[in-house]
Amino acid sequence: MIQTIQNVLLAAIVASCWLGCAGMLRMREPTQAMQYLSLPAGVGGVLLPAAFLCVSGWSVATLKAALVTVLLLAANSIVTHATVRAIRVRKIGHWEPREGDRIEFIQENRSQ
């Protein structure tokens, strides 16, 4: 039974990686495609320690897999942001928003 659960978890990790790759290929802009990296990092990162937990219970390997998950989730968002910013700088020469960019601005309330 545990072997079946482990196989299902690992198959879900592989499926999330393939779905992330397919999503990246479907996007027109590289900045849109970068968002699909969170699928394998998030799903795979959470399910991998669960697979370790099924096999070895609470062990050092499970703890290490959980720590790798935390690092993977944190690094994924940082690397994605830095890569998209680098793409924008290379494309237009700076990262600040231009006139006509679809960006929401928060208006500051200075009446207080």
PDB file of N, CA and C in Angstrom:
ATOM      1  N   MET A   1       0.823  -1.196   0.000  1.00  0.00           N
ATOM      2  CA  MET A   1       0.000   0.000   0.000  1.00  0.00           C
ATOM      3  C   MET A   1       0.874   1.269   0.000  1.00  0.00           C
ATOM      4  N   ILE A   2       1.922   1.260   0.818  1.00  0.00           N
ATOM      5  CA  ILE A   2       2.789   2.436   0.906  1.00  0.00           C
ATOM      6  C   ILE A   2       3.522   2.643  -0.414  1.00  0.00           C
ATOM      7  N   GLN A   3       3.901   1.550  -1.060  1.00  0.00           N
ATOM      8  CA  GLN A   3       4.572   1.650  -2.358  1.00  0.00           C
ATOM      9  C   GLN A   3       3.652   2.302  -3.387  1.00  0.00           C
ATOM     10  N   THR A   4       2.376   1.984  -3.345  1.00  0.00           N
ATOM     11  CA  THR A   4       1.412   2.582  -4.270  1.00  0.00           C
ATOM     12  C   THR A   4       1.270   4.073  -4.017  1.00  0.00           C
ATOM     13  N   ILE A   5       1.189   4.470  -2.758  1.00  0.00           N
ATOM     14  CA  ILE A   5       1.081   5.890  -2.411  1.00  0.00           C
ATOM     15  C   ILE A   5       2.331   6.635  -2.879  1.00  0.00           C
ATOM     16  N   GLN A   6       3.481   6.030  -2.652  1.00  0.00           N
ATOM     17  CA  GLN A   6       4.736   6.646  -3.088  1.00  0.00           C
ATOM     18  C   GLN A   6       4.757   6.809  -4.608  1.00  0.00           C
ATOM     19  N   ASN A   7       4.324   5.801  -5.343  1.00  0.00           N
ATOM     20  CA  ASN A   7       4.291   5.886  -6.803  1.00  0.00           C
ATOM     21  C   ASN A   7       3.326   6.960  -7.287  1.00  0.00           C
ATOM     22  N   VAL A   8       2.193   7.084  -6.631  1.00  0.00           N
ATOM     23  CA  VAL A   8       1.221   8.122  -7.000  1.00  0.00           C
ATOM     24  C   VAL A   8       1.808   9.504  -6.750  1.00  0.00           C
ATOM     25  N   LEU A   9       2.467   9.690  -5.615  1.00  0.00           N
ATOM     26  CA  LEU A   9       3.078  10.985  -5.305  1.00  0.00           C
ATOM     27  C   LEU A   9       4.166  11.334  -6.315  1.00  0.00           C
ATOM     28  N   LEU A  10       5.013  10.381  -6.643  1.00  0.00           N
ATOM     29  CA  LEU A  10       6.073  10.632  -7.623  1.00  0.00           C
ATOM     30  C   LEU A  10       5.506  10.878  -9.012  1.00  0.00           C
ATOM     31  N   ALA A  11       4.429  10.188  -9.377  1.00  0.00           N
ATOM     32  CA  ALA A  11       3.775  10.437 -10.665  1.00  0.00           C
ATOM     33  C   ALA A  11       3.169  11.839 -10.703  1.00  0.00           C
ATOM     34  N   ALA A  12       2.632  12.296  -9.586  1.00  0.00           N
ATOM     35  CA  ALA A  12       2.084  13.660  -9.525  1.00  0.00           C
ATOM     36  C   ALA A  12       3.191  14.703  -9.675  1.00  0.00           C
ATOM     37  N   ILE A  13       4.354  14.423  -9.111  1.00  0.00           N
ATOM     38  CA  ILE A  13       5.494  15.334  -9.265  1.00  0.00           C
ATOM     39  C   ILE A  13       5.906  15.411 -10.731  1.00  0.00           C
ATOM     40  N   VAL A  14       6.022  14.270 -11.380  1.00  0.00           N
ATOM     41  CA  VAL A  14       6.403  14.242 -12.800  1.00  0.00           C
ATOM     42  C   VAL A  14       5.341  14.938 -13.643  1.00  0.00           C
ATOM     43  N   ALA A  15       4.064  14.695 -13.356  1.00  0.00           N
ATOM     44  CA  ALA A  15       2.985  15.342 -14.109  1.00  0.00           C
ATOM     45  C   ALA A  15       3.025  16.858 -13.935  1.00  0.00           C
ATOM     46  N   SER A  16       3.319  17.333 -12.735  1.00  0.00           N
ATOM     47  CA  SER A  16       3.393  18.785 -12.528  1.00  0.00           C
ATOM     48  C   SER A  16       4.560  19.392 -13.300  1.00  0.00           C
ATOM     49  N   CYS A  17       5.659  18.663 -13.391  1.00  0.00           N
ATOM     50  CA  CYS A  17       6.797  19.148 -14.195  1.00  0.00           C
ATOM     51  C   CYS A  17       6.423  19.230 -15.667  1.00  0.00           C
ATOM     52  N   TRP A  18       5.752  18.225 -16.180  1.00  0.00           N
ATOM     53  CA  TRP A  18       5.343  18.242 -17.582  1.00  0.00           C
ATOM     54  C   TRP A  18       4.309  19.325 -17.852  1.00  0.00           C
ATOM     55  N   LEU A  19       3.358  19.515 -16.939  1.00  0.00           N
ATOM     56  CA  LEU A  19       2.367  20.580 -17.109  1.00  0.00           C
ATOM     57  C   LEU A  19       3.021  21.954 -17.079  1.00  0.00           C
ATOM     58  N   GLY A  20       3.997  22.129 -16.197  1.00  0.00           N
ATOM     59  CA  GLY A  20       4.730  23.392 -16.157  1.00  0.00           C
ATOM     60  C   GLY A  20       5.469  23.655 -17.454  1.00  0.00           C
ATOM     61  N   CYS A  21       6.105  22.614 -18.004  1.00  0.00           N
ATOM     62  CA  CYS A  21       6.812  22.766 -19.289  1.00  0.00           C
ATOM     63  C   CYS A  21       5.833  23.070 -20.417  1.00  0.00           C
ATOM     64  N   ALA A  22       4.705  22.384 -20.438  1.00  0.00           N
ATOM     65  CA  ALA A  22       3.704  22.641 -21.479  1.00  0.00           C
ATOM     66  C   ALA A  22       3.162  24.070 -21.366  1.00  0.00           C
ATOM     67  N   GLY A  23       2.936  24.531 -20.153  1.00  0.00           N
ATOM     68  CA  GLY A  23       2.475  25.907 -19.966  1.00  0.00           C
ATOM     69  C   GLY A  23       3.499  26.924 -20.426  1.00  0.00           C
ATOM     70  N   MET A  24       4.767  26.659 -20.149  1.00  0.00           N
ATOM     71  CA  MET A  24       5.824  27.563 -20.593  1.00  0.00           C
ATOM     72  C   MET A  24       5.891  27.628 -22.122  1.00  0.00           C
ATOM     73  N   LEU A  25       5.719  26.500 -22.782  1.00  0.00           N
ATOM     74  CA  LEU A  25       5.774  26.475 -24.238  1.00  0.00           C
ATOM     75  C   LEU A  25       4.598  27.203 -24.872  1.00  0.00           C
ATOM     76  N   ARG A  26       3.457  27.249 -24.193  1.00  0.00           N
ATOM     77  CA  ARG A  26       2.260  27.878 -24.749  1.00  0.00           C
ATOM     78  C   ARG A  26       2.260  29.400 -24.640  1.00  0.00           C
ATOM     79  N   MET A  27       3.072  29.947 -23.767  1.00  0.00           N
ATOM     80  CA  MET A  27       3.066  31.394 -23.560  1.00  0.00           C
ATOM     81  C   MET A  27       3.847  32.103 -24.665  1.00  0.00           C
ATOM     82  N   ARG A  28       3.393  33.297 -25.001  1.00  0.00           N
ATOM     83  CA  ARG A  28       4.043  34.079 -26.060  1.00  0.00           C
ATOM     84  C   ARG A  28       5.260  34.826 -25.549  1.00  0.00           C
ATOM     85  N   GLU A  29       5.135  35.380 -24.381  1.00  0.00           N
ATOM     86  CA  GLU A  29       6.196  36.207 -23.806  1.00  0.00           C
ATOM     87  C   GLU A  29       7.012  35.393 -22.805  1.00  0.00           C
ATOM     88  N   PRO A  30       8.324  35.600 -22.740  1.00  0.00           N
ATOM     89  CA  PRO A  30       9.121  34.889 -21.737  1.00  0.00           C
ATOM     90  C   PRO A  30       8.719  35.257 -20.314  1.00  0.00           C
ATOM     91  N   THR A  31       8.255  36.488 -20.120  1.00  0.00           N
ATOM     92  CA  THR A  31       7.852  36.888 -18.766  1.00  0.00           C
ATOM     93  C   THR A  31       6.593  36.157 -18.320  1.00  0.00           C
ATOM     94  N   GLN A  32       5.730  35.808 -19.252  1.00  0.00           N
ATOM     95  CA  GLN A  32       4.552  35.010 -18.908  1.00  0.00           C
ATOM     96  C   GLN A  32       4.947  33.555 -18.647  1.00  0.00           C
ATOM     97  N   ALA A  33       5.871  33.050 -19.428  1.00  0.00           N
ATOM     98  CA  ALA A  33       6.287  31.651 -19.299  1.00  0.00           C
ATOM     99  C   ALA A  33       6.959  31.381 -17.961  1.00  0.00           C
ATOM    100  N   MET A  34       7.627  32.377 -17.406  1.00  0.00           N
ATOM    101  CA  MET A  34       8.328  32.192 -16.137  1.00  0.00           C
ATOM    102  C   MET A  34       7.372  31.839 -14.999  1.00  0.00           C
ATOM    103  N   GLN A  35       6.114  32.262 -15.115  1.00  0.00           N
ATOM    104  CA  GLN A  35       5.156  31.998 -14.045  1.00  0.00           C
ATOM    105  C   GLN A  35       4.862  30.503 -13.889  1.00  0.00           C
ATOM    106  N   TYR A  36       5.073  29.737 -14.940  1.00  0.00           N
ATOM    107  CA  TYR A  36       4.794  28.309 -14.889  1.00  0.00           C
ATOM    108  C   TYR A  36       5.875  27.518 -14.161  1.00  0.00           C
ATOM    109  N   LEU A  37       6.959  28.149 -13.775  1.00  0.00           N
ATOM    110  CA  LEU A  37       7.979  27.466 -12.980  1.00  0.00           C
ATOM    111  C   LEU A  37       7.495  27.176 -11.565  1.00  0.00           C
ATOM    112  N   SER A  38       6.500  27.930 -11.115  1.00  0.00           N
ATOM    113  CA  SER A  38       6.015  27.712  -9.756  1.00  0.00           C
ATOM    114  C   SER A  38       5.244  26.399  -9.622  1.00  0.00           C
ATOM    115  N   LEU A  39       4.695  25.890 -10.714  1.00  0.00           N
ATOM    116  CA  LEU A  39       3.946  24.630 -10.629  1.00  0.00           C
ATOM    117  C   LEU A  39       4.839  23.452 -10.231  1.00  0.00           C
ATOM    118  N   PRO A  40       5.934  23.184 -10.950  1.00  0.00           N
ATOM    119  CA  PRO A  40       6.773  22.072 -10.491  1.00  0.00           C
ATOM    120  C   PRO A  40       7.452  22.344  -9.156  1.00  0.00           C
ATOM    121  N   ALA A  41       7.833  23.590  -8.926  1.00  0.00           N
ATOM    122  CA  ALA A  41       8.498  23.898  -7.653  1.00  0.00           C
ATOM    123  C   ALA A  41       7.537  23.761  -6.486  1.00  0.00           C
ATOM    124  N   GLY A  42       6.328  24.225  -6.659  1.00  0.00           N
ATOM    125  CA  GLY A  42       5.356  24.159  -5.562  1.00  0.00           C
ATOM    126  C   GLY A  42       4.824  22.755  -5.322  1.00  0.00           C
ATOM    127  N   VAL A  43       4.296  22.156  -6.386  1.00  0.00           N
ATOM    128  CA  VAL A  43       3.706  20.816  -6.243  1.00  0.00           C
ATOM    129  C   VAL A  43       4.792  19.784  -5.939  1.00  0.00           C
ATOM    130  N   GLY A  44       5.856  19.811  -6.718  1.00  0.00           N
ATOM    131  CA  GLY A  44       6.944  18.857  -6.492  1.00  0.00           C
ATOM    132  C   GLY A  44       7.600  19.044  -5.147  1.00  0.00           C
ATOM    133  N   GLY A  45       7.746  20.312  -4.767  1.00  0.00           N
ATOM    134  CA  GLY A  45       8.373  20.602  -3.483  1.00  0.00           C
ATOM    135  C   GLY A  45       7.569  20.113  -2.299  1.00  0.00           C
ATOM    136  N   VAL A  46       6.257  20.123  -2.426  1.00  0.00           N
ATOM    137  CA  VAL A  46       5.414  19.677  -1.313  1.00  0.00           C
ATOM    138  C   VAL A  46       5.236  18.153  -1.323  1.00  0.00           C
ATOM    139  N   LEU A  47       5.127  17.582  -2.515  1.00  0.00           N
ATOM    140  CA  LEU A  47       4.874  16.137  -2.591  1.00  0.00           C
ATOM    141  C   LEU A  47       6.116  15.286  -2.355  1.00  0.00           C
ATOM    142  N   LEU A  48       7.291  15.817  -2.630  1.00  0.00           N
ATOM    143  CA  LEU A  48       8.507  15.021  -2.428  1.00  0.00           C
ATOM    144  C   LEU A  48       8.739  14.676  -0.953  1.00  0.00           C
ATOM    145  N   PRO A  49       8.640  15.627  -0.021  1.00  0.00           N
ATOM    146  CA  PRO A  49       8.760  15.222   1.384  1.00  0.00           C
ATOM    147  C   PRO A  49       7.643  14.266   1.818  1.00  0.00           C
ATOM    148  N   ALA A  50       6.471  14.397   1.200  1.00  0.00           N
ATOM    149  CA  ALA A  50       5.390  13.455   1.519  1.00  0.00           C
ATOM    150  C   ALA A  50       5.760  12.045   1.078  1.00  0.00           C
ATOM    151  N   ALA A  51       6.424  11.925  -0.068  1.00  0.00           N
ATOM    152  CA  ALA A  51       6.880  10.605  -0.524  1.00  0.00           C
ATOM    153  C   ALA A  51       7.947  10.048   0.418  1.00  0.00           C
ATOM    154  N   PHE A  52       8.867  10.912   0.871  1.00  0.00           N
ATOM    155  CA  PHE A  52       9.861  10.472   1.853  1.00  0.00           C
ATOM    156  C   PHE A  52       9.182  10.018   3.137  1.00  0.00           C
ATOM    157  N   LEU A  53       8.151  10.747   3.544  1.00  0.00           N
ATOM    158  CA  LEU A  53       7.436  10.409   4.767  1.00  0.00           C
ATOM    159  C   LEU A  53       6.768   9.038   4.652  1.00  0.00           C
ATOM    160  N   CYS A  54       6.229   8.718   3.471  1.00  0.00           N
ATOM    161  CA  CYS A  54       5.596   7.415   3.267  1.00  0.00           C
ATOM    162  C   CYS A  54       6.607   6.281   3.339  1.00  0.00           C
ATOM    163  N   VAL A  55       7.813   6.532   2.825  1.00  0.00           N
ATOM    164  CA  VAL A  55       8.814   5.469   2.759  1.00  0.00           C
ATOM    165  C   VAL A  55       9.510   5.267   4.096  1.00  0.00           C
ATOM    166  N   SER A  56      10.019   6.358   4.686  1.00  0.00           N
ATOM    167  CA  SER A  56      10.870   6.197   5.863  1.00  0.00           C
ATOM    168  C   SER A  56      10.292   6.787   7.139  1.00  0.00           C
ATOM    169  N   GLY A  57       9.092   7.317   7.083  1.00  0.00           N
ATOM    170  CA  GLY A  57       8.518   7.933   8.282  1.00  0.00           C
ATOM    171  C   GLY A  57       9.271   9.217   8.609  1.00  0.00           C
ATOM    172  N   TRP A  58       9.164   9.646   9.856  1.00  0.00           N
ATOM    173  CA  TRP A  58       9.873  10.851  10.277  1.00  0.00           C
ATOM    174  C   TRP A  58      11.341  10.499  10.491  1.00  0.00           C
ATOM    175  N   SER A  59      12.150  10.895   9.532  1.00  0.00           N
ATOM    176  CA  SER A  59      13.581  10.590   9.602  1.00  0.00           C
ATOM    177  C   SER A  59      14.375  11.817   9.189  1.00  0.00           C
ATOM    178  N   VAL A  60      15.671  11.670   9.198  1.00  0.00           N
ATOM    179  CA  VAL A  60      16.543  12.759   8.771  1.00  0.00           C
ATOM    180  C   VAL A  60      16.320  13.065   7.292  1.00  0.00           C
ATOM    181  N   ALA A  61      16.084  12.019   6.487  1.00  0.00           N
ATOM    182  CA  ALA A  61      15.830  12.224   5.063  1.00  0.00           C
ATOM    183  C   ALA A  61      14.565  13.041   4.841  1.00  0.00           C
ATOM    184  N   THR A  62      13.528  12.771   5.618  1.00  0.00           N
ATOM    185  CA  THR A  62      12.285  13.532   5.509  1.00  0.00           C
ATOM    186  C   THR A  62      12.509  14.983   5.905  1.00  0.00           C
ATOM    187  N   LEU A  63      13.257  15.199   6.968  1.00  0.00           N
ATOM    188  CA  LEU A  63      13.552  16.560   7.407  1.00  0.00           C
ATOM    189  C   LEU A  63      14.363  17.315   6.351  1.00  0.00           C
ATOM    190  N   LYS A  64      15.351  16.648   5.774  1.00  0.00           N
ATOM    191  CA  LYS A  64      16.154  17.287   4.726  1.00  0.00           C
ATOM    192  C   LYS A  64      15.304  17.615   3.503  1.00  0.00           C
ATOM    193  N   ALA A  65      14.405  16.721   3.124  1.00  0.00           N
ATOM    194  CA  ALA A  65      13.520  16.985   1.984  1.00  0.00           C
ATOM    195  C   ALA A  65      12.593  18.166   2.276  1.00  0.00           C
ATOM    196  N   ALA A  66      12.129  18.275   3.511  1.00  0.00           N
ATOM    197  CA  ALA A  66      11.284  19.410   3.881  1.00  0.00           C
ATOM    198  C   ALA A  66      12.070  20.715   3.840  1.00  0.00           C
ATOM    199  N   LEU A  67      13.314  20.684   4.296  1.00  0.00           N
ATOM    200  CA  LEU A  67      14.148  21.890   4.233  1.00  0.00           C
ATOM    201  C   LEU A  67      14.458  22.280   2.791  1.00  0.00           C
ATOM    202  N   VAL A  68      14.699  21.296   1.945  1.00  0.00           N
ATOM    203  CA  VAL A  68      14.920  21.580   0.527  1.00  0.00           C
ATOM    204  C   VAL A  68      13.662  22.191  -0.084  1.00  0.00           C
ATOM    205  N   THR A  69      12.497  21.727   0.339  1.00  0.00           N
ATOM    206  CA  THR A  69      11.236  22.294  -0.144  1.00  0.00           C
ATOM    207  C   THR A  69      11.118  23.762   0.210  1.00  0.00           C
ATOM    208  N   VAL A  70      11.435  24.107   1.437  1.00  0.00           N
ATOM    209  CA  VAL A  70      11.367  25.505   1.862  1.00  0.00           C
ATOM    210  C   VAL A  70      12.333  26.355   1.049  1.00  0.00           C
ATOM    211  N   LEU A  71      13.544  25.870   0.866  1.00  0.00           N
ATOM    212  CA  LEU A  71      14.532  26.608   0.068  1.00  0.00           C
ATOM    213  C   LEU A  71      14.102  26.714  -1.396  1.00  0.00           C
ATOM    214  N   LEU A  72      13.534  25.654  -1.941  1.00  0.00           N
ATOM    215  CA  LEU A  72      13.085  25.651  -3.325  1.00  0.00           C
ATOM    216  C   LEU A  72      11.965  26.661  -3.542  1.00  0.00           C
ATOM    217  N   LEU A  73      11.014  26.700  -2.631  1.00  0.00           N
ATOM    218  CA  LEU A  73       9.908  27.651  -2.772  1.00  0.00           C
ATOM    219  C   LEU A  73      10.391  29.092  -2.650  1.00  0.00           C
ATOM    220  N   ALA A  74      11.296  29.341  -1.737  1.00  0.00           N
ATOM    221  CA  ALA A  74      11.827  30.698  -1.577  1.00  0.00           C
ATOM    222  C   ALA A  74      12.687  31.093  -2.772  1.00  0.00           C
ATOM    223  N   ALA A  75      13.550  30.206  -3.199  1.00  0.00           N
ATOM    224  CA  ALA A  75      14.446  30.516  -4.317  1.00  0.00           C
ATOM    225  C   ALA A  75      13.672  30.662  -5.620  1.00  0.00           C
ATOM    226  N   ASN A  76      12.601  29.893  -5.800  1.00  0.00           N
ATOM    227  CA  ASN A  76      11.831  29.969  -7.032  1.00  0.00           C
ATOM    228  C   ASN A  76      11.267  31.367  -7.245  1.00  0.00           C
ATOM    229  N   SER A  77      10.677  31.947  -6.226  1.00  0.00           N
ATOM    230  CA  SER A  77      10.092  33.272  -6.395  1.00  0.00           C
ATOM    231  C   SER A  77      11.169  34.331  -6.597  1.00  0.00           C
ATOM    232  N   ILE A  78      12.275  34.204  -5.911  1.00  0.00           N
ATOM    233  CA  ILE A  78      13.359  35.185  -6.055  1.00  0.00           C
ATOM    234  C   ILE A  78      13.994  35.093  -7.444  1.00  0.00           C
ATOM    235  N   VAL A  79      14.290  33.883  -7.892  1.00  0.00           N
ATOM    236  CA  VAL A  79      14.925  33.708  -9.195  1.00  0.00           C
ATOM    237  C   VAL A  79      13.974  34.110 -10.322  1.00  0.00           C
ATOM    238  N   THR A  80      12.695  33.793 -10.194  1.00  0.00           N
ATOM    239  CA  THR A  80      11.728  34.194 -11.209  1.00  0.00           C
ATOM    240  C   THR A  80      11.653  35.710 -11.317  1.00  0.00           C
ATOM    241  N   HIS A  81      11.578  36.389 -10.186  1.00  0.00           N
ATOM    242  CA  HIS A  81      11.506  37.849 -10.185  1.00  0.00           C
ATOM    243  C   HIS A  81      12.772  38.450 -10.802  1.00  0.00           C
ATOM    244  N   ALA A  82      13.922  37.966 -10.419  1.00  0.00           N
ATOM    245  CA  ALA A  82      15.178  38.504 -10.947  1.00  0.00           C
ATOM    246  C   ALA A  82      15.309  38.239 -12.447  1.00  0.00           C
ATOM    247  N   THR A  83      14.880  37.086 -12.904  1.00  0.00           N
ATOM    248  CA  THR A  83      14.970  36.759 -14.322  1.00  0.00           C
ATOM    249  C   THR A  83      14.042  37.636 -15.152  1.00  0.00           C
ATOM    250  N   VAL A  84      12.819  37.824 -14.684  1.00  0.00           N
ATOM    251  CA  VAL A  84      11.874  38.670 -15.412  1.00  0.00           C
ATOM    252  C   VAL A  84      12.362  40.114 -15.436  1.00  0.00           C
ATOM    253  N   ARG A  85      12.929  40.571 -14.338  1.00  0.00           N
ATOM    254  CA  ARG A  85      13.482  41.930 -14.319  1.00  0.00           C
ATOM    255  C   ARG A  85      14.652  42.052 -15.295  1.00  0.00           C
ATOM    256  N   ALA A  86      15.509  41.041 -15.367  1.00  0.00           N
ATOM    257  CA  ALA A  86      16.628  41.063 -16.309  1.00  0.00           C
ATOM    258  C   ALA A  86      16.145  41.041 -17.758  1.00  0.00           C
ATOM    259  N   ILE A  87      15.095  40.285 -18.032  1.00  0.00           N
ATOM    260  CA  ILE A  87      14.516  40.266 -19.380  1.00  0.00           C
ATOM    261  C   ILE A  87      14.005  41.652 -19.749  1.00  0.00           C
ATOM    262  N   ARG A  88      13.332  42.309 -18.803  1.00  0.00           N
ATOM    263  CA  ARG A  88      12.796  43.647 -19.070  1.00  0.00           C
ATOM    264  C   ARG A  88      13.920  44.658 -19.273  1.00  0.00           C
ATOM    265  N   VAL A  89      14.964  44.594 -18.464  1.00  0.00           N
ATOM    266  CA  VAL A  89      16.083  45.521 -18.616  1.00  0.00           C
ATOM    267  C   VAL A  89      16.760  45.308 -19.969  1.00  0.00           C
ATOM    268  N   ARG A  90      16.932  44.078 -20.358  1.00  0.00           N
ATOM    269  CA  ARG A  90      17.574  43.811 -21.656  1.00  0.00           C
ATOM    270  C   ARG A  90      16.702  44.280 -22.809  1.00  0.00           C
ATOM    271  N   LYS A  91      15.383  44.170 -22.621  1.00  0.00           N
ATOM    272  CA  LYS A  91      14.463  44.527 -23.699  1.00  0.00           C
ATOM    273  C   LYS A  91      14.317  46.039 -23.859  1.00  0.00           C
ATOM    274  N   ILE A  92      14.139  46.785 -22.746  1.00  0.00           N
ATOM    275  CA  ILE A  92      13.862  48.215 -22.868  1.00  0.00           C
ATOM    276  C   ILE A  92      14.937  49.098 -22.243  1.00  0.00           C
ATOM    277  N   GLY A  93      15.911  48.501 -21.567  1.00  0.00           N
ATOM    278  CA  GLY A  93      17.010  49.291 -21.026  1.00  0.00           C
ATOM    279  C   GLY A  93      16.873  49.680 -19.568  1.00  0.00           C
ATOM    280  N   HIS A  94      15.711  49.516 -18.984  1.00  0.00           N
ATOM    281  CA  HIS A  94      15.494  49.809 -17.565  1.00  0.00           C
ATOM    282  C   HIS A  94      14.303  48.985 -17.087  1.00  0.00           C
ATOM    283  N   TRP A  95      14.077  48.959 -15.784  1.00  0.00           N
ATOM    284  CA  TRP A  95      12.995  48.136 -15.261  1.00  0.00           C
ATOM    285  C   TRP A  95      11.779  48.946 -14.843  1.00  0.00           C
ATOM    286  N   GLU A  96      11.884  50.283 -14.803  1.00  0.00           N
ATOM    287  CA  GLU A  96      10.754  51.098 -14.371  1.00  0.00           C
ATOM    288  C   GLU A  96       9.598  50.999 -15.371  1.00  0.00           C
ATOM    289  N   PRO A  97       8.361  51.158 -14.890  1.00  0.00           N
ATOM    290  CA  PRO A  97       7.218  51.093 -15.807  1.00  0.00           C
ATOM    291  C   PRO A  97       7.212  52.277 -16.779  1.00  0.00           C
ATOM    292  N   ARG A  98       6.774  52.008 -17.995  1.00  0.00           N
ATOM    293  CA  ARG A  98       6.658  53.042 -19.019  1.00  0.00           C
ATOM    294  C   ARG A  98       5.207  53.490 -19.128  1.00  0.00           C
ATOM    295  N   GLU A  99       5.015  54.573 -19.806  1.00  0.00           N
ATOM    296  CA  GLU A  99       3.658  55.044 -20.094  1.00  0.00           C
ATOM    297  C   GLU A  99       2.964  53.992 -20.955  1.00  0.00           C
ATOM    298  N   GLY A 100       1.790  53.588 -20.560  1.00  0.00           N
ATOM    299  CA  GLY A 100       1.050  52.594 -21.320  1.00  0.00           C
ATOM    300  C   GLY A 100       1.209  51.174 -20.823  1.00  0.00           C
ATOM    301  N   ASP A 101       2.120  50.920 -19.874  1.00  0.00           N
ATOM    302  CA  ASP A 101       2.230  49.583 -19.291  1.00  0.00           C
ATOM    303  C   ASP A 101       0.993  49.302 -18.455  1.00  0.00           C
ATOM    304  N   ARG A 102       0.545  48.067 -18.506  1.00  0.00           N
ATOM    305  CA  ARG A 102      -0.640  47.685 -17.730  1.00  0.00           C
ATOM    306  C   ARG A 102      -0.221  47.344 -16.300  1.00  0.00           C
ATOM    307  N   ILE A 103      -0.073  48.379 -15.487  1.00  0.00           N
ATOM    308  CA  ILE A 103       0.359  48.204 -14.110  1.00  0.00           C
ATOM    309  C   ILE A 103      -0.577  49.022 -13.222  1.00  0.00           C
ATOM    310  N   GLU A 104      -0.984  48.434 -12.124  1.00  0.00           N
ATOM    311  CA  GLU A 104      -1.817  49.160 -11.178  1.00  0.00           C
ATOM    312  C   GLU A 104      -0.927  49.951 -10.237  1.00  0.00           C
ATOM    313  N   PHE A 105      -1.277  51.200 -10.024  1.00  0.00           N
ATOM    314  CA  PHE A 105      -0.549  52.035  -9.093  1.00  0.00           C
ATOM    315  C   PHE A 105      -1.414  52.287  -7.878  1.00  0.00           C
ATOM    316  N   ILE A 106      -0.799  52.275  -6.719  1.00  0.00           N
ATOM    317  CA  ILE A 106      -1.512  52.586  -5.481  1.00  0.00           C
ATOM    318  C   ILE A 106      -1.325  54.072  -5.221  1.00  0.00           C
ATOM    319  N   GLN A 107      -2.422  54.764  -5.138  1.00  0.00           N
ATOM    320  CA  GLN A 107      -2.373  56.197  -4.882  1.00  0.00           C
ATOM    321  C   GLN A 107      -2.109  56.425  -3.404  1.00  0.00           C
ATOM    322  N   GLU A 108      -1.155  57.287  -3.122  1.00  0.00           N
ATOM    323  CA  GLU A 108      -0.846  57.606  -1.727  1.00  0.00           C
ATOM    324  C   GLU A 108      -1.814  58.648  -1.220  1.00  0.00           C
ATOM    325  N   ASN A 109      -2.263  58.449   0.002  1.00  0.00           N
ATOM    326  CA  ASN A 109      -3.173  59.408   0.634  1.00  0.00           C
ATOM    327  C   ASN A 109      -2.356  60.258   1.577  1.00  0.00           C
ATOM    328  N   ARG A 110      -2.045  61.476   1.194  1.00  0.00           N
ATOM    329  CA  ARG A 110      -1.184  62.352   1.993  1.00  0.00           C
ATOM    330  C   ARG A 110      -1.976  63.417   2.733  1.00  0.00           C
ATOM    331  N   SER A 111      -3.265  63.229   2.885  1.00  0.00           N
ATOM    332  CA  SER A 111      -4.083  64.263   3.538  1.00  0.00           C
ATOM    333  C   SER A 111      -4.003  64.188   5.057  1.00  0.00           C
ATOM    334  N   GLN A 112      -3.319  63.231   5.601  1.00  0.00           N
ATOM    335  CA  GLN A 112      -3.281  63.078   7.054  1.00  0.00           C
ATOM    336  C   GLN A 112      -2.151  63.818   7.668  1.00  0.00           C
TER     337      GLN A 112
END
